């Protein structure tokens, strides 16, 4: 499968999940002996066998390469606290790359510097490492690297797609979503070195995506639905038990606030545009934060909290010439929206999927 086709298939799959459309189910697959699965949730019918797929979506993964440290590239500023992905051209043949920048939008620096598409970056709690998803090995796998882009190391080794990695508060675990069937994902957890991969949701006909640990590490918030379960934002215990609905609707990308009292997310409850919202951690008090100037057809997505919980960084579509996505910051009361990227530059075009480090 060509890189362009693989990237297109990923976009279609992500779009299908994001807009809450289920794909066609494929036959059950047998589990890998090196991975374990948590007990099936009581709200879903447990499968007779593991639903961890063996179908290849994007190519057969290769043997893990040696650790990679790109050389000859500028070092990012030590003050960089926002990481994001964007179409970049620091490496010939590259498409999506990982960048960092200061919280005022200055100091934009490419750090992944790979020909493989690199997306969905996530800071470790100490701000020293970044987990991300990449297609560089012919399949979407999860890697980790130092904050300056050095020591890039592959963590997952499966034939399925792994997406949206997020760290546990103590930095010892990483949760992520895995495509188990076309249009359907489960949530998995592994140790920060890639060992101990475990399926937490194990729901063959229900899709769960965009997981995020609570600040105390005891809960995981995520979005999903299907198979008789309402679509919306859910929360569960860190071991995958006690799943409960917080807010129903076409809602996605939930993120806990630093104090654990609120959850930010995006969605289209109005039916014609995506906006950023916040609600209390119990699902009450839902409030809209952003308002895209295009109205219907506009999109503001993928919010991430500032360390003090007073602002959100997110990406917005179709705001500047030369880029489809750009990164903005806004106060949680909806005031002070400010663009951090401004369309096409000599390094990249805009940005998306930002993550704000809570480290000092």
Protein backbone atom coordinates (compact mmCIF):
# COMPACT_ATOMS: atom_id res chain seq x y z
CA UNK A 1 0.00 0.00 0.00
CA UNK A 2 1.40 3.38 -0.95
CA UNK A 3 2.06 6.01 1.69
CA UNK A 4 -0.53 8.33 0.16
CA UNK A 5 -3.15 5.56 0.14
CA UNK A 6 -2.31 4.57 3.72
CA UNK A 7 -2.60 8.16 4.85
CA UNK A 8 -5.93 8.47 3.04
CA UNK A 9 -7.25 5.30 4.65
CA UNK A 10 -6.22 6.64 8.10
CA UNK A 11 -7.99 9.91 7.45
CA UNK A 12 -11.15 8.10 6.37
CA UNK A 13 -11.02 5.78 9.39
CA UNK A 14 -10.41 8.67 11.82
CA UNK A 15 -13.19 10.67 10.20
CA UNK A 16 -15.57 7.71 10.41
CA UNK A 17 -14.87 7.24 14.09
CA UNK A 18 -14.98 10.96 14.82
CA UNK A 19 -18.34 11.37 13.16
CA UNK A 20 -19.55 8.25 14.89
CA UNK A 21 -20.02 6.00 11.91
CA UNK A 22 -19.33 2.32 12.29
CA UNK A 23 -17.54 0.32 9.65
CA UNK A 24 -18.32 -3.13 8.33
CA UNK A 25 -17.41 -5.83 10.80
CA UNK A 26 -14.77 -8.37 9.98
CA UNK A 27 -14.35 -11.90 11.34
CA UNK A 28 -12.94 -12.36 14.81
CA UNK A 29 -9.21 -12.76 15.15
CA UNK A 30 -7.15 -14.76 17.62
CA UNK A 31 -5.19 -12.96 20.32
CA UNK A 32 -1.43 -12.50 20.30
CA UNK A 33 0.16 -14.56 23.08
CA UNK A 34 2.40 -11.64 24.14
CA UNK A 35 -0.55 -9.39 25.04
CA UNK A 36 -3.20 -9.75 27.71
CA UNK A 37 -6.76 -8.46 27.90
CA UNK A 38 -8.76 -7.09 30.78
CA UNK A 39 -12.05 -8.67 31.82
CA UNK A 40 -14.88 -7.76 29.45
CA UNK A 41 -17.01 -4.88 30.65
CA UNK A 42 -20.34 -5.74 32.28
CA UNK A 43 -22.22 -3.37 29.97
CA UNK A 44 -21.10 -5.16 26.83
CA UNK A 45 -21.44 -8.74 25.66
CA UNK A 46 -18.01 -10.34 26.10
CA UNK A 47 -16.64 -12.00 23.00
CA UNK A 48 -15.97 -15.70 22.89
CA UNK A 49 -12.43 -14.95 21.75
CA UNK A 50 -10.18 -11.90 21.72
CA UNK A 51 -11.16 -9.10 19.37
CA UNK A 52 -7.61 -7.98 18.88
CA UNK A 53 -7.45 -8.02 15.10
CA UNK A 54 -4.73 -9.42 12.94
CA UNK A 55 -5.83 -7.71 9.75
CA UNK A 56 -3.24 -5.39 8.26
CA UNK A 57 -4.40 -1.79 7.78
CA UNK A 58 -1.47 -0.11 6.12
CA UNK A 59 1.16 -2.78 5.73
CA UNK A 60 2.94 -5.46 7.72
CA UNK A 61 5.07 -3.94 10.49
CA UNK A 62 8.79 -4.44 10.22
CA UNK A 63 11.23 -5.57 12.87
CA UNK A 64 11.81 -2.78 15.36
CA UNK A 65 14.65 -0.57 14.12
CA UNK A 66 17.45 0.72 16.28
CA UNK A 67 16.76 3.90 18.20
CA UNK A 68 16.83 6.90 15.91
CA UNK A 69 18.21 10.36 16.60
CA UNK A 70 17.96 12.71 13.62
CA UNK A 71 21.06 14.85 13.21
CA UNK A 72 21.78 18.17 11.56
CA UNK A 73 18.49 19.82 12.57
CA UNK A 74 17.91 22.89 14.79
CA UNK A 75 17.31 22.23 18.47
CA UNK A 76 14.00 23.43 19.89
CA UNK A 77 13.93 26.13 22.58
CA UNK A 78 14.03 24.80 26.13
CA UNK A 79 10.94 26.89 26.83
CA UNK A 80 8.78 25.05 24.26
CA UNK A 81 5.64 23.73 25.95
CA UNK A 82 3.21 23.06 23.09
CA UNK A 83 3.72 20.08 20.78
CA UNK A 84 1.66 19.52 17.63
CA UNK A 85 1.68 17.88 14.22
CA UNK A 86 1.59 19.71 10.90
CA UNK A 87 2.34 19.28 7.25
CA UNK A 88 6.05 20.04 7.09
CA UNK A 89 8.93 19.98 4.67
CA UNK A 90 12.09 19.91 6.77
CA UNK A 91 12.79 16.42 5.37
CA UNK A 92 12.34 15.66 1.65
CA UNK A 93 9.37 13.35 1.20
CA UNK A 94 7.93 14.07 4.65
CA UNK A 95 4.25 14.83 5.11
CA UNK A 96 3.05 15.24 8.69
CA UNK A 97 5.80 16.00 11.22
CA UNK A 98 5.96 16.73 14.95
CA UNK A 99 6.76 20.31 15.99
CA UNK A 100 7.12 22.18 19.27
CA UNK A 101 6.71 25.88 20.05
CA UNK A 102 6.52 28.34 22.91
CA UNK A 103 3.11 29.14 24.33
CA UNK A 104 3.04 32.45 22.44
CA UNK A 105 3.60 30.72 19.08
CA UNK A 106 7.30 31.58 18.76
CA UNK A 107 10.17 29.14 18.44
CA UNK A 108 8.42 26.68 16.10
CA UNK A 109 10.84 23.80 15.54
CA UNK A 110 10.48 20.41 13.84
CA UNK A 111 11.62 17.59 16.09
CA UNK A 112 10.57 14.28 14.51
CA UNK A 113 12.25 14.96 11.14
CA UNK A 114 11.13 11.72 9.51
CA UNK A 115 9.72 10.81 6.12
CA UNK A 116 7.01 8.78 7.79
CA UNK A 117 3.83 10.61 8.76
CA UNK A 118 4.08 11.55 12.47
CA UNK A 119 0.90 12.56 14.33
CA UNK A 120 -0.97 12.75 17.67
CA UNK A 121 1.88 13.87 19.96
CA UNK A 122 1.52 13.69 23.75
CA UNK A 123 3.83 15.10 26.45
CA UNK A 124 5.02 12.92 29.32
CA UNK A 125 4.12 14.38 32.74
CA UNK A 126 7.68 15.55 33.38
CA UNK A 127 7.90 17.26 29.98
CA UNK A 128 10.97 15.27 28.99
CA UNK A 129 9.45 12.86 26.45
CA UNK A 130 6.80 12.84 23.75
CA UNK A 131 4.75 9.85 22.59
CA UNK A 132 3.34 9.93 19.07
CA UNK A 133 1.93 7.81 16.25
CA UNK A 134 3.88 7.28 13.05
CA UNK A 135 3.57 5.50 9.71
CA UNK A 136 7.34 5.33 9.13
CA UNK A 137 7.41 1.51 9.37
CA UNK A 138 4.50 0.98 6.97
CA UNK A 139 1.89 0.73 9.73
CA UNK A 140 0.61 3.21 12.31
CA UNK A 141 2.65 2.46 15.43
CA UNK A 142 3.41 4.33 18.65
CA UNK A 143 6.86 5.77 19.24
CA UNK A 144 8.39 7.83 22.03
CA UNK A 145 11.20 10.39 21.78
CA UNK A 146 12.94 12.95 23.94
CA UNK A 147 11.54 16.48 23.94
CA UNK A 148 14.26 17.61 21.53
CA UNK A 149 13.45 14.81 19.04
CA UNK A 150 16.36 12.56 19.98
CA UNK A 151 16.22 8.86 20.89
CA UNK A 152 13.12 7.98 18.84
CA UNK A 153 12.03 4.50 19.92
CA UNK A 154 9.26 2.25 18.68
CA UNK A 155 6.92 0.88 21.38
CA UNK A 156 4.17 -1.10 19.61
CA UNK A 157 4.66 -4.00 17.20
CA UNK A 158 1.30 -5.08 15.85
CA UNK A 159 -0.35 -5.34 12.44
CA UNK A 160 -3.19 -3.02 13.52
CA UNK A 161 -3.20 0.75 13.73
CA UNK A 162 -2.35 2.34 17.09
CA UNK A 163 -3.44 5.94 17.62
CA UNK A 164 -3.84 8.74 20.20
CA UNK A 165 -1.31 7.83 22.92
CA UNK A 166 -1.67 9.50 26.34
CA UNK A 167 0.52 9.18 29.44
CA UNK A 168 -0.50 8.21 32.95
CA UNK A 169 0.17 10.91 35.58
CA UNK A 170 3.17 9.01 36.97
CA UNK A 171 4.66 8.51 33.49
CA UNK A 172 4.73 4.73 33.86
CA UNK A 173 1.85 3.85 31.52
CA UNK A 174 0.59 4.89 28.09
CA UNK A 175 -3.00 4.41 26.96
CA UNK A 176 -3.94 4.41 23.30
CA UNK A 177 -6.62 3.32 20.84
CA UNK A 178 -6.20 0.44 18.42
CA UNK A 179 -8.23 -0.27 15.28
CA UNK A 180 -9.65 -3.75 15.87
CA UNK A 181 -11.97 -3.69 12.85
CA UNK A 182 -12.63 -1.10 10.15
CA UNK A 183 -14.32 1.81 11.90
CA UNK A 184 -14.05 0.24 15.38
CA UNK A 185 -11.40 0.85 18.05
CA UNK A 186 -10.64 -0.48 21.52
CA UNK A 187 -8.63 1.22 24.26
CA UNK A 188 -5.38 -0.41 25.33
CA UNK A 189 -2.78 0.34 27.98
CA UNK A 190 0.91 -0.57 28.10
CA UNK A 191 3.98 0.18 30.15
CA UNK A 192 5.97 3.20 29.02
CA UNK A 193 8.61 0.87 27.54
CA UNK A 194 6.02 -0.88 25.33
CA UNK A 195 5.63 -4.02 27.43
CA UNK A 196 2.47 -5.38 29.01
CA UNK A 197 -0.02 -4.36 26.31
CA UNK A 198 -3.54 -4.94 27.65
CA UNK A 199 -6.98 -4.40 26.12
CA UNK A 200 -9.06 -2.41 28.61
CA UNK A 201 -12.39 -2.22 26.79
CA UNK A 202 -12.58 -5.44 24.76
CA UNK A 203 -15.87 -4.55 23.02
CA UNK A 204 -16.14 -6.07 19.53
CA UNK A 205 -19.14 -4.03 18.35
CA UNK A 206 -18.51 -0.79 20.27
CA UNK A 207 -15.90 1.79 19.37
CA UNK A 208 -13.84 3.62 22.01
CA UNK A 209 -11.24 6.26 21.16
CA UNK A 210 -9.39 9.36 22.44
CA UNK A 211 -8.59 8.07 25.96
CA UNK A 212 -7.13 10.34 28.64
CA UNK A 213 -6.07 9.59 32.23
CA UNK A 214 -7.50 11.62 35.08
CA UNK A 215 -4.88 13.63 37.02
CA UNK A 216 -4.99 11.14 39.90
CA UNK A 217 -4.61 8.20 37.48
CA UNK A 218 -7.72 6.44 38.79
CA UNK A 219 -10.02 7.05 35.83
CA UNK A 220 -9.94 7.21 32.03
CA UNK A 221 -12.23 9.44 30.00
CA UNK A 222 -12.90 8.57 26.35
CA UNK A 223 -15.40 8.98 23.53
CA UNK A 224 -17.26 6.28 21.68
CA UNK A 225 -20.45 4.35 21.14
CA UNK A 226 -22.26 1.95 18.83
CA UNK A 227 -23.43 -1.62 19.27
CA UNK A 228 -26.36 -0.53 21.41
CA UNK A 229 -24.37 1.98 23.44
CA UNK A 230 -25.13 5.69 23.08
CA UNK A 231 -22.45 7.82 21.46
CA UNK A 232 -20.83 10.35 23.73
CA UNK A 233 -18.19 10.98 26.39
CA UNK A 234 -17.65 8.15 28.88
CA UNK A 235 -15.49 7.55 31.91
CA UNK A 236 -14.24 4.25 33.37
CA UNK A 237 -11.88 3.06 36.07
CA UNK A 238 -8.24 2.76 35.08
CA UNK A 239 -8.61 -1.03 34.85
CA UNK A 240 -11.46 -0.74 32.32
CA UNK A 241 -14.30 -1.42 34.80
CA UNK A 242 -17.34 0.65 35.75
CA UNK A 243 -18.01 2.42 32.44
CA UNK A 244 -20.52 5.24 32.71
CA UNK A 245 -21.86 7.87 30.34
CA UNK A 246 -21.06 11.50 31.14
CA UNK A 247 -22.57 13.30 28.16
CA UNK A 248 -24.37 11.86 25.14
CA UNK A 249 -23.97 13.17 21.61
CA UNK A 250 -21.45 13.45 18.77
CA UNK A 251 -18.62 14.43 21.13
CA UNK A 252 -14.91 13.61 20.92
CA UNK A 253 -11.34 14.19 22.16
CA UNK A 254 -12.00 14.60 25.91
CA UNK A 255 -9.20 15.93 28.14
CA UNK A 256 -9.13 16.29 31.92
CA UNK A 257 -8.31 19.66 33.46
CA UNK A 258 -5.19 19.74 35.67
CA UNK A 259 -7.29 19.84 38.86
CA UNK A 260 -9.55 17.01 37.66
CA UNK A 261 -12.70 19.10 38.06
CA UNK A 262 -13.49 19.66 34.38
CA UNK A 263 -13.27 17.93 31.01
CA UNK A 264 -12.73 19.72 27.70
CA UNK A 265 -13.81 18.13 24.43
CA UNK A 266 -14.97 18.91 20.92
CA UNK A 267 -18.15 17.99 19.14
CA UNK A 268 -21.02 18.97 16.92
CA UNK A 269 -24.19 18.84 19.05
CA UNK A 270 -25.65 21.55 16.80
CA UNK A 271 -25.18 19.21 13.85
CA UNK A 272 -23.37 21.52 11.44
CA UNK A 273 -20.08 22.54 13.06
CA UNK A 274 -17.44 21.38 15.53
CA UNK A 275 -16.75 23.54 18.58
CA UNK A 276 -14.79 23.18 21.82
CA UNK A 277 -16.76 22.66 25.04
CA UNK A 278 -16.10 22.12 28.73
CA UNK A 279 -18.17 20.38 31.40
CA UNK A 280 -17.77 19.35 35.00
CA UNK A 281 -16.14 15.96 35.60
CA UNK A 282 -19.54 14.47 36.45
CA UNK A 283 -20.90 15.45 33.02
CA UNK A 284 -23.00 18.42 34.16
CA UNK A 285 -22.66 22.11 33.28
CA UNK A 286 -21.71 21.72 29.62
CA UNK A 287 -20.61 25.06 28.14
CA UNK A 288 -19.47 26.08 24.66
CA UNK A 289 -16.05 27.79 24.61
CA UNK A 290 -15.28 28.53 20.94
CA UNK A 291 -17.27 30.01 18.07
CA UNK A 292 -15.84 29.45 14.60
CA UNK A 293 -16.27 32.55 12.40
CA UNK A 294 -17.54 30.45 9.51
CA UNK A 295 -20.52 29.24 11.51
CA UNK A 296 -21.92 26.04 10.02
CA UNK A 297 -19.10 24.21 8.28
CA UNK A 298 -16.48 25.52 10.67
CA UNK A 299 -14.48 23.33 13.04
CA UNK A 300 -12.54 23.85 16.26
CA UNK A 301 -11.11 20.59 17.60
CA UNK A 302 -8.76 18.69 19.94
CA UNK A 303 -8.53 20.93 23.03
CA UNK A 304 -5.71 20.64 25.55
CA UNK A 305 -5.50 22.45 28.91
CA UNK A 306 -2.88 24.91 30.08
CA UNK A 307 -1.09 23.94 33.32
CA UNK A 308 -3.10 26.48 35.35
CA UNK A 309 -6.41 25.35 33.83
CA UNK A 310 -7.27 28.87 32.62
CA UNK A 311 -6.74 28.36 28.87
CA UNK A 312 -7.21 25.80 26.13
CA UNK A 313 -5.10 25.22 23.05
CA UNK A 314 -6.83 23.63 20.05
CA UNK A 315 -6.77 23.61 16.26
CA UNK A 316 -9.17 25.38 13.94
CA UNK A 317 -9.93 24.68 10.29
CA UNK A 318 -9.88 27.07 7.34
CA UNK A 319 -8.74 30.22 9.12
CA UNK A 320 -5.64 31.20 7.12
CA UNK A 321 -4.55 30.97 3.50
CA UNK A 322 -2.07 28.20 2.78
CA UNK A 323 -3.12 25.83 5.57
CA UNK A 324 -6.18 23.75 6.39
CA UNK A 325 -5.50 23.66 10.13
CA UNK A 326 -4.04 26.24 12.53
CA UNK A 327 -3.50 26.31 16.28
CA UNK A 328 -5.26 28.76 18.57
CA UNK A 329 -5.38 29.45 22.30
CA UNK A 330 -8.42 30.76 24.19
CA UNK A 331 -9.48 31.48 27.76
CA UNK A 332 -11.91 28.92 29.17
CA UNK A 333 -14.60 31.60 29.36
CA UNK A 334 -14.38 32.00 25.57
CA UNK A 335 -12.48 35.29 25.56
CA UNK A 336 -9.08 36.16 24.16
CA UNK A 337 -8.90 33.76 21.21
CA UNK A 338 -5.41 34.10 19.71
CA UNK A 339 -3.78 32.36 16.74
CA UNK A 340 -0.44 30.68 17.46
CA UNK A 341 0.20 29.54 13.89
CA UNK A 342 -0.67 31.61 10.83
CA UNK A 343 -0.89 29.48 7.73
CA UNK A 344 2.05 28.51 5.56
CA UNK A 345 5.63 29.19 6.65
CA UNK A 346 9.04 28.05 5.47
CA UNK A 347 8.79 25.15 7.94
CA UNK A 348 5.20 23.96 7.74
CA UNK A 349 1.57 24.70 7.08
CA UNK A 350 -0.37 25.53 10.24
CA UNK A 351 -0.81 22.78 12.80
CA UNK A 352 -3.23 20.41 14.53
CA UNK A 353 -3.56 18.00 17.48
CA UNK A 354 -1.78 20.27 20.00
CA UNK A 355 -0.80 19.14 23.48
CA UNK A 356 0.20 21.59 26.22
CA UNK A 357 2.84 20.36 28.66
CA UNK A 358 1.99 20.77 32.34
CA UNK A 359 5.66 20.52 33.33
CA UNK A 360 7.33 23.72 34.66
